[in-house]
Amino acid sequence: MNASPAIELLLVEDNPEDLELTLRALHRANLANSIHVVRDGAEALDFVFCEGTYSTRRIEDGPKLILLDLKLPKVDGLEVLKRVKGDPRTRAIPVVVLTSSKEQSDLVESYGLGVNSFIVKPVNFEQFAGAVSHLGFYWLILNQSPASAG
């Protein structure tokens, strides 16, 4: 059993089918040994900011990457993005929006709030698995962030 509290990837997804496809694609690509899943924006904020159920976590042990859906219950993905990128303690965490929304306004607002990447979920599983594999490889393996550089 791994004693490390580090979560490599926070997956914020409320759709059970999309969640299953994303997890399958990540495991297929041998990425992210430590994935934490939350199913709404309020739980995502609690996790990132160590509140509520997650009050025993330390904010310094934040995820290396957040995969964020936009259309979420309780608190939408844009509000989650705004809070994460608006706080100096969490601003450096890469956030990738992974959504079915093709609305230009979502794309523009996401970048305005500081998203690191915006990906529209492909309909075909093979294309989706490829996209998840590429983004996971880049953000979890290749990318150097202030947290991983130290």
C-alpha atoms as a PDB file:
ATOM      1  CA  MET A   1       0.000   0.000   0.000  1.00  0.00           C
ATOM      2  CA  ASN A   2       1.291   3.429  -0.955  1.00  0.00           C
ATOM      3  CA  ALA A   3       1.587   5.694   2.078  1.00  0.00           C
ATOM      4  CA  SER A   4       1.892   8.849  -0.019  1.00  0.00           C
ATOM      5  CA  PRO A   5      -1.049  11.244   0.340  1.00  0.00           C
ATOM      6  CA  ALA A   6      -0.345  12.767  -3.094  1.00  0.00           C
ATOM      7  CA  ILE A   7      -3.212  12.796  -5.547  1.00  0.00           C
ATOM      8  CA  GLU A   8      -1.883  13.024  -9.067  1.00  0.00           C
ATOM      9  CA  LEU A   9      -5.179  13.761 -10.750  1.00  0.00           C
ATOM     10  CA  LEU A  10      -8.508  15.184  -9.610  1.00  0.00           C
ATOM     11  CA  LEU A  11     -11.260  14.135 -12.002  1.00  0.00           C
ATOM     12  CA  VAL A  12     -14.413  16.256 -11.737  1.00  0.00           C
ATOM     13  CA  GLU A  13     -17.158  14.512 -13.707  1.00  0.00           C
ATOM     14  CA  ASP A  14     -20.842  13.922 -12.963  1.00  0.00           C
ATOM     15  CA  ASN A  15     -21.779  11.815 -15.998  1.00  0.00           C
ATOM     16  CA  PRO A  16     -21.299   8.099 -15.112  1.00  0.00           C
ATOM     17  CA  GLU A  17     -20.565   7.073 -18.719  1.00  0.00           C
ATOM     18  CA  ASP A  18     -18.009   9.848 -19.262  1.00  0.00           C
ATOM     19  CA  LEU A  19     -16.436   9.047 -15.887  1.00  0.00           C
ATOM     20  CA  GLU A  20     -16.063   5.373 -16.803  1.00  0.00           C
ATOM     21  CA  LEU A  21     -14.633   6.215 -20.243  1.00  0.00           C
ATOM     22  CA  THR A  22     -12.138   8.690 -18.767  1.00  0.00           C
ATOM     23  CA  LEU A  23     -10.967   6.271 -16.067  1.00  0.00           C
ATOM     24  CA  ARG A  24     -10.662   3.458 -18.618  1.00  0.00           C
ATOM     25  CA  ALA A  25      -8.648   5.702 -20.950  1.00  0.00           C
ATOM     26  CA  LEU A  26      -6.319   6.831 -18.124  1.00  0.00           C
ATOM     27  CA  HIS A  27      -5.711   3.277 -16.944  1.00  0.00           C
ATOM     28  CA  ARG A  28      -5.244   2.030 -20.506  1.00  0.00           C
ATOM     29  CA  ALA A  29      -2.489   4.637 -20.957  1.00  0.00           C
ATOM     30  CA  ASN A  30      -0.934   3.707 -17.566  1.00  0.00           C
ATOM     31  CA  LEU A  31      -1.343   7.285 -16.347  1.00  0.00           C
ATOM     32  CA  ALA A  32      -2.163   8.621 -12.913  1.00  0.00           C
ATOM     33  CA  ASN A  33      -1.757   5.909 -10.324  1.00  0.00           C
ATOM     34  CA  SER A  34      -3.569   8.118  -7.839  1.00  0.00           C
ATOM     35  CA  ILE A  35      -6.871   9.489  -9.148  1.00  0.00           C
ATOM     36  CA  HIS A  36      -9.525  11.081  -6.973  1.00  0.00           C
ATOM     37  CA  VAL A  37     -13.015  11.412  -8.435  1.00  0.00           C
ATOM     38  CA  VAL A  38     -15.631  13.964  -7.396  1.00  0.00           C
ATOM     39  CA  ARG A  39     -19.050  14.253  -9.003  1.00  0.00           C
ATOM     40  CA  ASP A  40     -20.006  17.884  -8.474  1.00  0.00           C
ATOM     41  CA  GLY A  41     -18.407  21.308  -8.276  1.00  0.00           C
ATOM     42  CA  ALA A  42     -19.007  21.766  -4.541  1.00  0.00           C
ATOM     43  CA  GLU A  43     -17.121  18.567  -3.731  1.00  0.00           C
ATOM     44  CA  ALA A  44     -14.326  19.615  -6.111  1.00  0.00           C
ATOM     45  CA  LEU A  45     -13.916  22.899  -4.220  1.00  0.00           C
ATOM     46  CA  ASP A  46     -13.995  21.091  -0.871  1.00  0.00           C
ATOM     47  CA  PHE A  47     -11.257  18.740  -2.099  1.00  0.00           C
ATOM     48  CA  VAL A  48      -8.999  21.439  -3.557  1.00  0.00           C
ATOM     49  CA  PHE A  49      -9.407  23.823  -0.613  1.00  0.00           C
ATOM     50  CA  CYS A  50      -9.392  21.107   2.089  1.00  0.00           C
ATOM     51  CA  GLU A  51     -12.838  21.886   3.468  1.00  0.00           C
ATOM     52  CA  GLY A  52     -15.796  19.785   4.634  1.00  0.00           C
ATOM     53  CA  THR A  53     -15.139  16.062   4.214  1.00  0.00           C
ATOM     54  CA  TYR A  54     -11.587  16.870   3.097  1.00  0.00           C
ATOM     55  CA  SER A  55     -10.646  19.149   6.017  1.00  0.00           C
ATOM     56  CA  THR A  56      -7.882  16.742   7.109  1.00  0.00           C
ATOM     57  CA  ARG A  57      -6.031  17.183   3.799  1.00  0.00           C
ATOM     58  CA  ARG A  58      -3.313  19.788   3.373  1.00  0.00           C
ATOM     59  CA  ILE A  59      -3.680  22.297   0.555  1.00  0.00           C
ATOM     60  CA  GLU A  60       0.017  21.736  -0.270  1.00  0.00           C
ATOM     61  CA  ASP A  61      -0.902  18.150  -1.211  1.00  0.00           C
ATOM     62  CA  GLY A  62      -3.095  19.374  -4.058  1.00  0.00           C
ATOM     63  CA  PRO A  63      -3.417  17.404  -7.281  1.00  0.00           C
ATOM     64  CA  LYS A  64      -0.861  17.671 -10.090  1.00  0.00           C
ATOM     65  CA  LEU A  65      -3.736  18.087 -12.560  1.00  0.00           C
ATOM     66  CA  ILE A  66      -7.469  18.790 -12.503  1.00  0.00           C
ATOM     67  CA  LEU A  67      -9.650  17.407 -15.303  1.00  0.00           C
ATOM     68  CA  LEU A  68     -12.799  19.500 -15.073  1.00  0.00           C
ATOM     69  CA  ASP A  69     -16.183  19.094 -16.713  1.00  0.00           C
ATOM     70  CA  LEU A  70     -18.122  22.357 -17.079  1.00  0.00           C
ATOM     71  CA  LYS A  71     -21.723  21.221 -16.714  1.00  0.00           C
ATOM     72  CA  LEU A  72     -21.770  20.117 -13.060  1.00  0.00           C
ATOM     73  CA  PRO A  73     -24.403  19.992 -10.324  1.00  0.00           C
ATOM     74  CA  LYS A  74     -24.265  22.299  -7.255  1.00  0.00           C
ATOM     75  CA  VAL A  75     -21.391  24.509  -8.511  1.00  0.00           C
ATOM     76  CA  ASP A  76     -20.634  24.669 -12.241  1.00  0.00           C
ATOM     77  CA  GLY A  77     -17.190  24.073 -13.693  1.00  0.00           C
ATOM     78  CA  LEU A  78     -16.592  27.723 -14.571  1.00  0.00           C
ATOM     79  CA  GLU A  79     -17.059  28.710 -10.916  1.00  0.00           C
ATOM     80  CA  VAL A  80     -14.682  25.922  -9.832  1.00  0.00           C
ATOM     81  CA  LEU A  81     -12.129  27.178 -12.378  1.00  0.00           C
ATOM     82  CA  LYS A  82     -12.583  30.773 -11.187  1.00  0.00           C
ATOM     83  CA  ARG A  83     -11.969  29.806  -7.540  1.00  0.00           C
ATOM     84  CA  VAL A  84      -8.964  27.556  -8.268  1.00  0.00           C
ATOM     85  CA  LYS A  85      -7.228  30.075 -10.541  1.00  0.00           C
ATOM     86  CA  GLY A  86      -8.191  33.015  -8.310  1.00  0.00           C
ATOM     87  CA  ASP A  87      -6.423  31.691  -5.212  1.00  0.00           C
ATOM     88  CA  PRO A  88      -2.622  32.053  -5.011  1.00  0.00           C
ATOM     89  CA  ARG A  89      -2.380  28.709  -3.162  1.00  0.00           C
ATOM     90  CA  THR A  90      -3.944  26.769  -6.050  1.00  0.00           C
ATOM     91  CA  ARG A  91      -3.362  28.978  -9.096  1.00  0.00           C
ATOM     92  CA  ALA A  92      -0.411  26.900 -10.354  1.00  0.00           C
ATOM     93  CA  ILE A  93      -2.406  23.644 -10.532  1.00  0.00           C
ATOM     94  CA  PRO A  94      -2.985  22.915 -14.224  1.00  0.00           C
ATOM     95  CA  VAL A  95      -6.691  22.728 -15.052  1.00  0.00           C
ATOM     96  CA  VAL A  96      -7.868  21.037 -18.236  1.00  0.00           C
ATOM     97  CA  VAL A  97     -11.510  21.490 -19.147  1.00  0.00           C
ATOM     98  CA  LEU A  98     -12.773  18.236 -20.625  1.00  0.00           C
ATOM     99  CA  THR A  99     -16.332  18.884 -21.737  1.00  0.00           C
ATOM    100  CA  SER A 100     -18.994  18.040 -24.287  1.00  0.00           C
ATOM    101  CA  SER A 101     -19.807  21.748 -24.593  1.00  0.00           C
ATOM    102  CA  LYS A 102     -18.969  23.207 -27.978  1.00  0.00           C
ATOM    103  CA  GLU A 103     -20.213  26.658 -26.965  1.00  0.00           C
ATOM    104  CA  GLN A 104     -17.749  29.385 -27.934  1.00  0.00           C
ATOM    105  CA  SER A 105     -18.734  31.352 -24.806  1.00  0.00           C
ATOM    106  CA  ASP A 106     -17.582  28.452 -22.567  1.00  0.00           C
ATOM    107  CA  LEU A 107     -14.248  28.329 -24.392  1.00  0.00           C
ATOM    108  CA  VAL A 108     -13.709  32.100 -24.190  1.00  0.00           C
ATOM    109  CA  GLU A 109     -14.761  32.330 -20.536  1.00  0.00           C
ATOM    110  CA  SER A 110     -12.595  29.334 -19.553  1.00  0.00           C
ATOM    111  CA  TYR A 111      -9.490  30.934 -21.036  1.00  0.00           C
ATOM    112  CA  GLY A 112     -10.443  34.251 -19.456  1.00  0.00           C
ATOM    113  CA  LEU A 113     -10.489  32.520 -16.077  1.00  0.00           C
ATOM    114  CA  GLY A 114      -7.059  30.952 -16.631  1.00  0.00           C
ATOM    115  CA  VAL A 115      -7.729  27.412 -17.896  1.00  0.00           C
ATOM    116  CA  ASN A 116      -4.593  25.667 -19.138  1.00  0.00           C
ATOM    117  CA  SER A 117      -6.331  23.688 -21.875  1.00  0.00           C
ATOM    118  CA  PHE A 118      -9.861  23.226 -23.243  1.00  0.00           C
ATOM    119  CA  ILE A 119     -10.799  19.930 -24.881  1.00  0.00           C
ATOM    120  CA  VAL A 120     -14.173  18.975 -26.343  1.00  0.00           C
ATOM    121  CA  LYS A 121     -14.797  15.287 -25.639  1.00  0.00           C
ATOM    122  CA  PRO A 122     -14.683  13.247 -28.855  1.00  0.00           C
ATOM    123  CA  VAL A 123     -17.742  11.027 -29.397  1.00  0.00           C
ATOM    124  CA  ASN A 124     -15.735   7.964 -30.509  1.00  0.00           C
ATOM    125  CA  PHE A 125     -14.068   6.012 -27.648  1.00  0.00           C
ATOM    126  CA  GLU A 126     -10.793   5.445 -29.505  1.00  0.00           C
ATOM    127  CA  GLN A 127     -10.469   9.174 -30.220  1.00  0.00           C
ATOM    128  CA  PHE A 128     -11.474   9.969 -26.626  1.00  0.00           C
ATOM    129  CA  ALA A 129      -8.937   7.465 -25.234  1.00  0.00           C
ATOM    130  CA  GLY A 130      -6.254   8.985 -27.455  1.00  0.00           C
ATOM    131  CA  ALA A 131      -7.088  12.519 -26.319  1.00  0.00           C
ATOM    132  CA  VAL A 132      -7.053  11.528 -22.630  1.00  0.00           C
ATOM    133  CA  SER A 133      -3.799   9.628 -23.097  1.00  0.00           C
ATOM    134  CA  HIS A 134      -2.103  12.608 -24.793  1.00  0.00           C
ATOM    135  CA  LEU A 135      -3.316  15.150 -22.251  1.00  0.00           C
ATOM    136  CA  GLY A 136      -2.422  12.895 -19.311  1.00  0.00           C
ATOM    137  CA  PHE A 137       1.040  12.202 -20.718  1.00  0.00           C
ATOM    138  CA  TYR A 138       1.684  15.891 -21.285  1.00  0.00           C
ATOM    139  CA  TRP A 139       0.324  17.274 -17.997  1.00  0.00           C
ATOM    140  CA  LEU A 140       1.402  14.442 -15.667  1.00  0.00           C
ATOM    141  CA  ILE A 141       4.709  13.388 -17.230  1.00  0.00           C
ATOM    142  CA  LEU A 142       6.186  16.114 -19.454  1.00  0.00           C
ATOM    143  CA  ASN A 143       4.913  19.343 -17.925  1.00  0.00           C
ATOM    144  CA  GLN A 144       7.038  21.013 -15.248  1.00  0.00           C
ATOM    145  CA  SER A 145       5.011  22.993 -12.737  1.00  0.00           C
ATOM    146  CA  PRO A 146       6.266  25.006  -9.761  1.00  0.00           C
ATOM    147  CA  ALA A 147       5.055  22.222  -7.431  1.00  0.00           C
ATOM    148  CA  SER A 148       6.961  19.469  -9.312  1.00  0.00           C
ATOM    149  CA  ALA A 149      10.113  21.539  -9.935  1.00  0.00           C
ATOM    150  CA  GLY A 150      11.038  21.759  -6.272  1.00  0.00           C
END
